[in-house]
Amino acid sequence: MKTRDKILTILNEVIDSDYSELNKLEISDDEKLRAITSESMVALIFVTTLEDEFSIEFNDDEIDITFFNSIDYLAETVDSHLSE
């Protein structure tokens, strides 16, 4: 499974589990990613799930508003950690 696809799966699982009202909205995947920042606990669960799933650790300075801007950007960030 590609990194991007895996991230989308994780995002949707976290939303289903912890922010299900977001699924009632017809919004893009990038909008879902940005929307979870309004719920800090959901954002934290998402980040830690990514770290666990990919066996990586994000630097604190990486996790800013840009981190939640787009799935493609996030996939590039994860891939850069995987290539280290």
PDB file of N, CA and C in Angstrom:
ATOM      1  N   MET A   1       0.853  -1.180   0.000  1.00  0.00           N
ATOM      2  CA  MET A   1       0.000   0.000   0.000  1.00  0.00           C
ATOM      3  C   MET A   1       0.898   1.241   0.000  1.00  0.00           C
ATOM      4  N   LYS A   2       0.568   2.201  -0.830  1.00  0.00           N
ATOM      5  CA  LYS A   2       1.329   3.445  -0.895  1.00  0.00           C
ATOM      6  C   LYS A   2       1.151   4.240   0.392  1.00  0.00           C
ATOM      7  N   THR A   3       2.149   5.057   0.682  1.00  0.00           N
ATOM      8  CA  THR A   3       2.118   5.877   1.891  1.00  0.00           C
ATOM      9  C   THR A   3       0.854   6.719   1.947  1.00  0.00           C
ATOM     10  N   ARG A   4       0.523   7.368   0.837  1.00  0.00           N
ATOM     11  CA  ARG A   4      -0.657   8.241   0.793  1.00  0.00           C
ATOM     12  C   ARG A   4      -1.927   7.460   1.140  1.00  0.00           C
ATOM     13  N   ASP A   5      -2.060   6.282   0.558  1.00  0.00           N
ATOM     14  CA  ASP A   5      -3.248   5.455   0.807  1.00  0.00           C
ATOM     15  C   ASP A   5      -3.325   5.013   2.264  1.00  0.00           C
ATOM     16  N   LYS A   6      -2.181   4.676   2.822  1.00  0.00           N
ATOM     17  CA  LYS A   6      -2.138   4.254   4.224  1.00  0.00           C
ATOM     18  C   LYS A   6      -2.519   5.415   5.144  1.00  0.00           C
ATOM     19  N   ILE A   7      -2.039   6.611   4.815  1.00  0.00           N
ATOM     20  CA  ILE A   7      -2.389   7.803   5.600  1.00  0.00           C
ATOM     21  C   ILE A   7      -3.894   8.047   5.540  1.00  0.00           C
ATOM     22  N   LEU A   8      -4.476   7.926   4.367  1.00  0.00           N
ATOM     23  CA  LEU A   8      -5.929   8.115   4.225  1.00  0.00           C
ATOM     24  C   LEU A   8      -6.706   7.084   5.040  1.00  0.00           C
ATOM     25  N   THR A   9      -6.242   5.859   5.035  1.00  0.00           N
ATOM     26  CA  THR A   9      -6.893   4.818   5.832  1.00  0.00           C
ATOM     27  C   THR A   9      -6.847   5.174   7.310  1.00  0.00           C
ATOM     28  N   ILE A  10      -5.671   5.593   7.777  1.00  0.00           N
ATOM     29  CA  ILE A  10      -5.513   5.977   9.184  1.00  0.00           C
ATOM     30  C   ILE A  10      -6.395   7.172   9.510  1.00  0.00           C
ATOM     31  N   LEU A  11      -6.395   8.176   8.646  1.00  0.00           N
ATOM     32  CA  LEU A  11      -7.218   9.365   8.864  1.00  0.00           C
ATOM     33  C   LEU A  11      -8.685   8.979   9.014  1.00  0.00           C
ATOM     34  N   ASN A  12      -9.176   8.165   8.109  1.00  0.00           N
ATOM     35  CA  ASN A  12     -10.587   7.770   8.158  1.00  0.00           C
ATOM     36  C   ASN A  12     -10.904   6.912   9.377  1.00  0.00           C
ATOM     37  N   GLU A  13      -9.974   6.057   9.785  1.00  0.00           N
ATOM     38  CA  GLU A  13     -10.187   5.249  10.990  1.00  0.00           C
ATOM     39  C   GLU A  13     -10.252   6.129  12.235  1.00  0.00           C
ATOM     40  N   VAL A  14      -9.352   7.106  12.327  1.00  0.00           N
ATOM     41  CA  VAL A  14      -9.346   8.011  13.482  1.00  0.00           C
ATOM     42  C   VAL A  14     -10.622   8.841  13.501  1.00  0.00           C
ATOM     43  N   ILE A  15     -11.032   9.331  12.343  1.00  0.00           N
ATOM     44  CA  ILE A  15     -12.263  10.123  12.268  1.00  0.00           C
ATOM     45  C   ILE A  15     -13.466   9.264  12.652  1.00  0.00           C
ATOM     46  N   ASP A  16     -13.537   8.042  12.127  1.00  0.00           N
ATOM     47  CA  ASP A  16     -14.650   7.144  12.468  1.00  0.00           C
ATOM     48  C   ASP A  16     -14.725   6.895  13.970  1.00  0.00           C
ATOM     49  N   SER A  17     -13.574   6.750  14.581  1.00  0.00           N
ATOM     50  CA  SER A  17     -13.512   6.407  15.997  1.00  0.00           C
ATOM     51  C   SER A  17     -13.706   7.605  16.923  1.00  0.00           C
ATOM     52  N   ASP A  18     -13.115   8.751  16.558  1.00  0.00           N
ATOM     53  CA  ASP A  18     -13.032   9.858  17.506  1.00  0.00           C
ATOM     54  C   ASP A  18     -13.676  11.173  17.059  1.00  0.00           C
ATOM     55  N   TYR A  19     -14.133  11.249  15.820  1.00  0.00           N
ATOM     56  CA  TYR A  19     -14.671  12.520  15.319  1.00  0.00           C
ATOM     57  C   TYR A  19     -15.706  12.220  14.242  1.00  0.00           C
ATOM     58  N   SER A  20     -16.622  11.292  14.558  1.00  0.00           N
ATOM     59  CA  SER A  20     -17.536  10.747  13.554  1.00  0.00           C
ATOM     60  C   SER A  20     -18.442  11.782  12.900  1.00  0.00           C
ATOM     61  N   GLU A  21     -18.719  12.888  13.594  1.00  0.00           N
ATOM     62  CA  GLU A  21     -19.580  13.908  12.982  1.00  0.00           C
ATOM     63  C   GLU A  21     -18.943  14.522  11.734  1.00  0.00           C
ATOM     64  N   LEU A  22     -17.625  14.419  11.630  1.00  0.00           N
ATOM     65  CA  LEU A  22     -16.930  14.934  10.445  1.00  0.00           C
ATOM     66  C   LEU A  22     -17.299  14.136   9.201  1.00  0.00           C
ATOM     67  N   ASN A  23     -17.597  12.857   9.374  1.00  0.00           N
ATOM     68  CA  ASN A  23     -17.967  12.019   8.234  1.00  0.00           C
ATOM     69  C   ASN A  23     -19.316  12.393   7.637  1.00  0.00           C
ATOM     70  N   LYS A  24     -20.111  13.146   8.363  1.00  0.00           N
ATOM     71  CA  LYS A  24     -21.413  13.569   7.854  1.00  0.00           C
ATOM     72  C   LYS A  24     -21.283  14.688   6.824  1.00  0.00           C
ATOM     73  N   LEU A  25     -20.119  15.310   6.788  1.00  0.00           N
ATOM     74  CA  LEU A  25     -19.881  16.412   5.859  1.00  0.00           C
ATOM     75  C   LEU A  25     -19.295  15.881   4.559  1.00  0.00           C
ATOM     76  N   GLU A  26     -19.687  16.483   3.471  1.00  0.00           N
ATOM     77  CA  GLU A  26     -19.123  16.106   2.178  1.00  0.00           C
ATOM     78  C   GLU A  26     -17.954  17.035   1.885  1.00  0.00           C
ATOM     79  N   ILE A  27     -16.774  16.623   2.364  1.00  0.00           N
ATOM     80  CA  ILE A  27     -15.575  17.433   2.181  1.00  0.00           C
ATOM     81  C   ILE A  27     -14.439  16.543   1.685  1.00  0.00           C
ATOM     82  N   SER A  28     -13.431  17.178   1.115  1.00  0.00           N
ATOM     83  CA  SER A  28     -12.296  16.435   0.563  1.00  0.00           C
ATOM     84  C   SER A  28     -11.432  15.852   1.680  1.00  0.00           C
ATOM     85  N   ASP A  29     -10.551  14.959   1.303  1.00  0.00           N
ATOM     86  CA  ASP A  29      -9.633  14.363   2.278  1.00  0.00           C
ATOM     87  C   ASP A  29      -8.731  15.425   2.901  1.00  0.00           C
ATOM     88  N   ASP A  30      -8.254  16.368   2.094  1.00  0.00           N
ATOM     89  CA  ASP A  30      -7.423  17.453   2.630  1.00  0.00           C
ATOM     90  C   ASP A  30      -8.209  18.298   3.629  1.00  0.00           C
ATOM     91  N   GLU A  31      -9.483  18.533   3.345  1.00  0.00           N
ATOM     92  CA  GLU A  31     -10.317  19.299   4.279  1.00  0.00           C
ATOM     93  C   GLU A  31     -10.538  18.529   5.580  1.00  0.00           C
ATOM     94  N   LYS A  32     -10.674  17.215   5.484  1.00  0.00           N
ATOM     95  CA  LYS A  32     -10.792  16.390   6.696  1.00  0.00           C
ATOM     96  C   LYS A  32      -9.522  16.507   7.529  1.00  0.00           C
ATOM     97  N   LEU A  33      -8.381  16.432   6.849  1.00  0.00           N
ATOM     98  CA  LEU A  33      -7.098  16.541   7.542  1.00  0.00           C
ATOM     99  C   LEU A  33      -6.992  17.876   8.268  1.00  0.00           C
ATOM    100  N   ARG A  34      -7.356  18.949   7.593  1.00  0.00           N
ATOM    101  CA  ARG A  34      -7.308  20.277   8.225  1.00  0.00           C
ATOM    102  C   ARG A  34      -8.334  20.385   9.355  1.00  0.00           C
ATOM    103  N   ALA A  35      -9.478  19.752   9.190  1.00  0.00           N
ATOM    104  CA  ALA A  35     -10.550  19.853  10.187  1.00  0.00           C
ATOM    105  C   ALA A  35     -10.181  19.200  11.515  1.00  0.00           C
ATOM    106  N   ILE A  36      -9.373  18.153  11.485  1.00  0.00           N
ATOM    107  CA  ILE A  36      -9.048  17.493  12.755  1.00  0.00           C
ATOM    108  C   ILE A  36      -8.201  18.384  13.657  1.00  0.00           C
ATOM    109  N   THR A  37      -7.608  19.433  13.117  1.00  0.00           N
ATOM    110  CA  THR A  37      -6.817  20.338  13.964  1.00  0.00           C
ATOM    111  C   THR A  37      -7.705  21.110  14.931  1.00  0.00           C
ATOM    112  N   SER A  38      -8.988  21.189  14.659  1.00  0.00           N
ATOM    113  CA  SER A  38      -9.895  21.883  15.578  1.00  0.00           C
ATOM    114  C   SER A  38     -10.187  21.048  16.826  1.00  0.00           C
ATOM    115  N   GLU A  39      -9.847  19.792  16.774  1.00  0.00           N
ATOM    116  CA  GLU A  39      -9.999  18.882  17.916  1.00  0.00           C
ATOM    117  C   GLU A  39      -8.606  18.361  18.262  1.00  0.00           C
ATOM    118  N   SER A  40      -7.945  19.018  19.199  1.00  0.00           N
ATOM    119  CA  SER A  40      -6.537  18.703  19.469  1.00  0.00           C
ATOM    120  C   SER A  40      -6.309  17.242  19.848  1.00  0.00           C
ATOM    121  N   MET A  41      -7.226  16.644  20.571  1.00  0.00           N
ATOM    122  CA  MET A  41      -7.045  15.243  20.952  1.00  0.00           C
ATOM    123  C   MET A  41      -7.105  14.332  19.727  1.00  0.00           C
ATOM    124  N   VAL A  42      -7.987  14.629  18.798  1.00  0.00           N
ATOM    125  CA  VAL A  42      -8.093  13.839  17.567  1.00  0.00           C
ATOM    126  C   VAL A  42      -6.815  14.000  16.749  1.00  0.00           C
ATOM    127  N   ALA A  43      -6.314  15.224  16.661  1.00  0.00           N
ATOM    128  CA  ALA A  43      -5.068  15.475  15.933  1.00  0.00           C
ATOM    129  C   ALA A  43      -3.916  14.703  16.571  1.00  0.00           C
ATOM    130  N   LEU A  44      -3.860  14.698  17.890  1.00  0.00           N
ATOM    131  CA  LEU A  44      -2.808  13.972  18.604  1.00  0.00           C
ATOM    132  C   LEU A  44      -2.910  12.468  18.355  1.00  0.00           C
ATOM    133  N   ILE A  45      -4.108  11.944  18.410  1.00  0.00           N
ATOM    134  CA  ILE A  45      -4.314  10.515  18.135  1.00  0.00           C
ATOM    135  C   ILE A  45      -3.877  10.186  16.713  1.00  0.00           C
ATOM    136  N   PHE A  46      -4.210  11.050  15.764  1.00  0.00           N
ATOM    137  CA  PHE A  46      -3.823  10.840  14.370  1.00  0.00           C
ATOM    138  C   PHE A  46      -2.302  10.804  14.234  1.00  0.00           C
ATOM    139  N   VAL A  47      -1.617  11.774  14.824  1.00  0.00           N
ATOM    140  CA  VAL A  47      -0.157  11.852  14.718  1.00  0.00           C
ATOM    141  C   VAL A  47       0.495  10.624  15.359  1.00  0.00           C
ATOM    142  N   THR A  48       0.055  10.258  16.546  1.00  0.00           N
ATOM    143  CA  THR A  48       0.670   9.102  17.214  1.00  0.00           C
ATOM    144  C   THR A  48       0.367   7.794  16.480  1.00  0.00           C
ATOM    145  N   THR A  49      -0.801   7.711  15.870  1.00  0.00           N
ATOM    146  CA  THR A  49      -1.127   6.524  15.074  1.00  0.00           C
ATOM    147  C   THR A  49      -0.228   6.442  13.851  1.00  0.00           C
ATOM    148  N   LEU A  50       0.013   7.578  13.201  1.00  0.00           N
ATOM    149  CA  LEU A  50       0.947   7.598  12.067  1.00  0.00           C
ATOM    150  C   LEU A  50       2.331   7.132  12.507  1.00  0.00           C
ATOM    151  N   GLU A  51       2.803   7.678  13.620  1.00  0.00           N
ATOM    152  CA  GLU A  51       4.133   7.305  14.110  1.00  0.00           C
ATOM    153  C   GLU A  51       4.209   5.806  14.399  1.00  0.00           C
ATOM    154  N   ASP A  52       3.191   5.278  15.034  1.00  0.00           N
ATOM    155  CA  ASP A  52       3.175   3.845  15.349  1.00  0.00           C
ATOM    156  C   ASP A  52       3.104   2.990  14.087  1.00  0.00           C
ATOM    157  N   GLU A  53       2.223   3.365  13.190  1.00  0.00           N
ATOM    158  CA  GLU A  53       2.004   2.569  11.978  1.00  0.00           C
ATOM    159  C   GLU A  53       3.241   2.532  11.080  1.00  0.00           C
ATOM    160  N   PHE A  54       3.934   3.658  10.970  1.00  0.00           N
ATOM    161  CA  PHE A  54       5.103   3.739  10.093  1.00  0.00           C
ATOM    162  C   PHE A  54       6.423   3.535  10.847  1.00  0.00           C
ATOM    163  N   SER A  55       6.352   3.347  12.157  1.00  0.00           N
ATOM    164  CA  SER A  55       7.552   3.187  13.000  1.00  0.00           C
ATOM    165  C   SER A  55       8.526   4.348  12.814  1.00  0.00           C
ATOM    166  N   ILE A  56       7.986   5.561  12.924  1.00  0.00           N
ATOM    167  CA  ILE A  56       8.779   6.780  12.805  1.00  0.00           C
ATOM    168  C   ILE A  56       8.446   7.682  13.984  1.00  0.00           C
ATOM    169  N   GLU A  57       9.201   8.759  14.113  1.00  0.00           N
ATOM    170  CA  GLU A  57       8.893   9.765  15.124  1.00  0.00           C
ATOM    171  C   GLU A  57       9.084  11.142  14.502  1.00  0.00           C
ATOM    172  N   PHE A  58       8.022  11.923  14.514  1.00  0.00           N
ATOM    173  CA  PHE A  58       8.098  13.278  13.988  1.00  0.00           C
ATOM    174  C   PHE A  58       8.791  14.179  15.000  1.00  0.00           C
ATOM    175  N   ASN A  59       9.556  15.133  14.494  1.00  0.00           N
ATOM    176  CA  ASN A  59      10.132  16.165  15.353  1.00  0.00           C
ATOM    177  C   ASN A  59       9.019  17.134  15.726  1.00  0.00           C
ATOM    178  N   ASP A  60       9.092  17.675  16.923  1.00  0.00           N
ATOM    179  CA  ASP A  60       8.057  18.609  17.379  1.00  0.00           C
ATOM    180  C   ASP A  60       7.874  19.775  16.416  1.00  0.00           C
ATOM    181  N   ASP A  61       8.975  20.269  15.846  1.00  0.00           N
ATOM    182  CA  ASP A  61       8.871  21.425  14.950  1.00  0.00           C
ATOM    183  C   ASP A  61       8.253  21.074  13.596  1.00  0.00           C
ATOM    184  N   GLU A  62       8.096  19.803  13.299  1.00  0.00           N
ATOM    185  CA  GLU A  62       7.436  19.390  12.055  1.00  0.00           C
ATOM    186  C   GLU A  62       5.914  19.461  12.167  1.00  0.00           C
ATOM    187  N   ILE A  63       5.419  19.336  13.378  1.00  0.00           N
ATOM    188  CA  ILE A  63       3.973  19.242  13.573  1.00  0.00           C
ATOM    189  C   ILE A  63       3.413  20.643  13.795  1.00  0.00           C
ATOM    190  N   ASP A  64       3.180  21.304  12.684  1.00  0.00           N
ATOM    191  CA  ASP A  64       2.596  22.641  12.700  1.00  0.00           C
ATOM    192  C   ASP A  64       1.408  22.644  11.741  1.00  0.00           C
ATOM    193  N   ILE A  65       0.901  23.793  11.438  1.00  0.00           N
ATOM    194  CA  ILE A  65      -0.281  23.872  10.573  1.00  0.00           C
ATOM    195  C   ILE A  65       0.006  23.320   9.173  1.00  0.00           C
ATOM    196  N   THR A  66       1.240  23.452   8.704  1.00  0.00           N
ATOM    197  CA  THR A  66       1.615  22.916   7.394  1.00  0.00           C
ATOM    198  C   THR A  66       1.499  21.395   7.374  1.00  0.00           C
ATOM    199  N   PHE A  67       1.802  20.776   8.491  1.00  0.00           N
ATOM    200  CA  PHE A  67       1.728  19.322   8.628  1.00  0.00           C
ATOM    201  C   PHE A  67       0.329  18.817   8.272  1.00  0.00           C
ATOM    202  N   PHE A  68      -0.674  19.605   8.612  1.00  0.00           N
ATOM    203  CA  PHE A  68      -2.074  19.224   8.393  1.00  0.00           C
ATOM    204  C   PHE A  68      -2.678  19.875   7.144  1.00  0.00           C
ATOM    205  N   ASN A  69      -1.832  20.380   6.267  1.00  0.00           N
ATOM    206  CA  ASN A  69      -2.316  21.117   5.100  1.00  0.00           C
ATOM    207  C   ASN A  69      -2.821  20.224   3.975  1.00  0.00           C
ATOM    208  N   SER A  70      -2.090  19.147   3.695  1.00  0.00           N
ATOM    209  CA  SER A  70      -2.526  18.266   2.611  1.00  0.00           C
ATOM    210  C   SER A  70      -2.005  16.853   2.821  1.00  0.00           C
ATOM    211  N   ILE A  71      -2.730  15.906   2.296  1.00  0.00           N
ATOM    212  CA  ILE A  71      -2.339  14.503   2.380  1.00  0.00           C
ATOM    213  C   ILE A  71      -1.028  14.287   1.630  1.00  0.00           C
ATOM    214  N   ASP A  72      -0.870  14.930   0.481  1.00  0.00           N
ATOM    215  CA  ASP A  72       0.358  14.770  -0.301  1.00  0.00           C
ATOM    216  C   ASP A  72       1.580  15.263   0.469  1.00  0.00           C
ATOM    217  N   TYR A  73       1.457  16.425   1.109  1.00  0.00           N
ATOM    218  CA  TYR A  73       2.566  16.950   1.908  1.00  0.00           C
ATOM    219  C   TYR A  73       2.893  15.985   3.048  1.00  0.00           C
ATOM    220  N   LEU A  74       1.879  15.480   3.688  1.00  0.00           N
ATOM    221  CA  LEU A  74       2.070  14.554   4.798  1.00  0.00           C
ATOM    222  C   LEU A  74       2.734  13.264   4.316  1.00  0.00           C
ATOM    223  N   ALA A  75       2.333  12.772   3.159  1.00  0.00           N
ATOM    224  CA  ALA A  75       2.951  11.564   2.591  1.00  0.00           C
ATOM    225  C   ALA A  75       4.430  11.806   2.297  1.00  0.00           C
ATOM    226  N   GLU A  76       4.766  12.982   1.776  1.00  0.00           N
ATOM    227  CA  GLU A  76       6.172  13.324   1.524  1.00  0.00           C
ATOM    228  C   GLU A  76       6.957  13.356   2.833  1.00  0.00           C
ATOM    229  N   THR A  77       6.351  13.910   3.873  1.00  0.00           N
ATOM    230  CA  THR A  77       7.007  13.986   5.177  1.00  0.00           C
ATOM    231  C   THR A  77       7.254  12.589   5.737  1.00  0.00           C
ATOM    232  N   VAL A  78       6.256  11.737   5.665  1.00  0.00           N
ATOM    233  CA  VAL A  78       6.407  10.357   6.143  1.00  0.00           C
ATOM    234  C   VAL A  78       7.478   9.639   5.326  1.00  0.00           C
ATOM    235  N   ASP A  79       7.420   9.771   4.006  1.00  0.00           N
ATOM    236  CA  ASP A  79       8.408   9.114   3.145  1.00  0.00           C
ATOM    237  C   ASP A  79       9.827   9.580   3.453  1.00  0.00           C
ATOM    238  N   SER A  80       9.986  10.855   3.780  1.00  0.00           N
ATOM    239  CA  SER A  80      11.331  11.350   4.107  1.00  0.00           C
ATOM    240  C   SER A  80      11.846  10.695   5.393  1.00  0.00           C
ATOM    241  N   HIS A  81      10.959  10.442   6.340  1.00  0.00           N
ATOM    242  CA  HIS A  81      11.364   9.738   7.566  1.00  0.00           C
ATOM    243  C   HIS A  81      11.688   8.273   7.278  1.00  0.00           C
ATOM    244  N   LEU A  82      10.940   7.676   6.396  1.00  0.00           N
ATOM    245  CA  LEU A  82      11.168   6.269   6.072  1.00  0.00           C
ATOM    246  C   LEU A  82      12.491   6.053   5.349  1.00  0.00           C
ATOM    247  N   SER A  83      12.953   7.076   4.638  1.00  0.00           N
ATOM    248  CA  SER A  83      14.205   6.941   3.886  1.00  0.00           C
ATOM    249  C   SER A  83      15.440   7.271   4.727  1.00  0.00           C
ATOM    250  N   GLU A  84      15.231   7.690   5.973  1.00  0.00           N
ATOM    251  CA  GLU A  84      16.369   8.031   6.848  1.00  0.00           C
ATOM    252  C   GLU A  84      17.085   6.786   7.319  1.00  0.00           C
TER     253      GLU A  84
END
